Structure formats: structure tokens, C-alpha cells
Amino acid sequence: MGVRRGRVTTKVFADFASTKARMALALARPRGDAGRTDQARAFALFGLEHIGIAGYRRRDLELLAERIGSE
């Protein structure tokens, strides 16, 4: 999983939506903390698109995307 031009790319976990969302959250947080807001927002939005059964993480991803989008 990586970021290219503001878009998240993934070649693994194709059928595991909740895993994608959790991984996106785990990758977005440190990037946001490091000031890499474009990548952090891309991961947060990717996670929201693939939330699946990880719905309890939806609010975490939304807050991260909103916080980063307003900077």
C-alpha cells in the first residue's frame, strides 16, 4: 500500500475491506503527525471508502480527514 499523486494504491488485501480501513488508519495517523497531510488525507479517505465491517473506525477516519483537510 502506498500513495501516488494523492491516491492510495494497493495490490494486496483485495477482499478484506475492513483490513484496508484499519491499515489506512494506521498509515494515516503518523503521516498527519509528521505534517505529510496530503498522504495522510489520502489514506484517511481510502479507509473511508473501504470501511466494511470496521465501522467502529469510521469516526476516527472522518475526524482525521476533516482535521487534515482544514489545515
Protein backbone atom coordinates (compact mmCIF):
# COMPACT_ATOMS: atom_id res chain seq x y z
CA MET A 1 0.00 0.00 0.00
CA GLY A 2 1.39 3.39 -0.92
CA VAL A 3 0.46 6.88 -2.06
CA ARG A 4 0.94 8.16 -5.60
CA ARG A 5 -0.23 11.62 -6.55
CA GLY A 6 -2.68 11.75 -3.64
CA ARG A 7 -4.19 8.33 -4.40
CA VAL A 8 -3.69 5.21 -2.36
CA THR A 9 -2.51 2.17 -4.28
CA THR A 10 -2.82 -1.39 -3.04
CA LYS A 11 -2.05 -4.77 -4.53
CA VAL A 12 -2.87 -6.91 -1.51
CA PHE A 13 -5.86 -7.39 0.77
CA ALA A 14 -8.20 -7.24 -2.24
CA ASP A 15 -11.09 -8.97 -0.46
CA PHE A 16 -10.53 -7.63 3.05
CA ALA A 17 -12.23 -4.25 3.22
CA SER A 18 -12.03 -3.86 6.99
CA THR A 19 -8.33 -4.71 6.91
CA LYS A 20 -7.81 -1.98 4.31
CA ALA A 21 -9.61 0.52 6.52
CA ARG A 22 -7.58 -0.40 9.58
CA MET A 23 -4.34 -0.30 7.64
CA ALA A 24 -5.26 3.06 6.13
CA LEU A 25 -5.91 4.49 9.60
CA ALA A 26 -2.60 3.10 10.87
CA LEU A 27 -0.76 4.69 7.95
CA ALA A 28 -2.66 8.00 8.02
CA ARG A 29 -2.05 8.90 11.66
CA PRO A 30 1.76 9.06 11.63
CA ARG A 31 1.78 10.89 8.30
CA GLY A 32 -0.58 13.51 9.73
CA ASP A 33 1.61 13.87 12.80
CA ALA A 34 4.68 14.27 10.57
CA GLY A 35 3.00 17.04 8.54
CA ARG A 36 2.59 14.91 5.41
CA THR A 37 -1.03 15.99 5.17
CA ASP A 38 -1.61 15.12 1.52
CA GLN A 39 -0.66 11.50 2.15
CA ALA A 40 -2.47 11.33 5.48
CA ARG A 41 -5.69 12.63 3.94
CA ALA A 42 -5.39 10.22 1.01
CA PHE A 43 -5.06 7.28 3.41
CA ALA A 44 -7.97 8.51 5.56
CA LEU A 45 -10.25 8.88 2.53
CA PHE A 46 -9.17 5.48 1.22
CA GLY A 47 -10.03 3.97 4.59
CA LEU A 48 -13.49 5.54 4.50
CA GLU A 49 -14.09 4.07 1.04
CA HIS A 50 -13.20 0.60 2.32
CA ILE A 51 -14.68 0.70 5.82
CA GLY A 52 -16.53 -2.62 5.51
CA ILE A 53 -17.20 -4.19 8.91
CA ALA A 54 -14.72 -1.88 10.64
CA GLY A 55 -17.50 0.67 11.11
CA TYR A 56 -16.33 1.48 14.60
CA ARG A 57 -13.27 3.11 12.97
CA ARG A 58 -15.39 5.33 10.68
CA ARG A 59 -15.40 8.27 13.10
CA ASP A 60 -11.61 8.05 13.58
CA LEU A 61 -11.09 8.23 9.82
CA GLU A 62 -13.64 11.03 9.38
CA LEU A 63 -12.04 13.14 12.10
CA LEU A 64 -8.59 12.60 10.64
CA ALA A 65 -9.71 13.51 7.12
CA GLU A 66 -11.54 16.63 8.40
CA ARG A 67 -8.64 17.78 10.59
CA ILE A 68 -6.13 17.36 7.79
CA GLY A 69 -8.45 18.88 5.19
CA SER A 70 -8.83 22.05 7.24
CA GLU A 71 -5.07 22.66 7.67
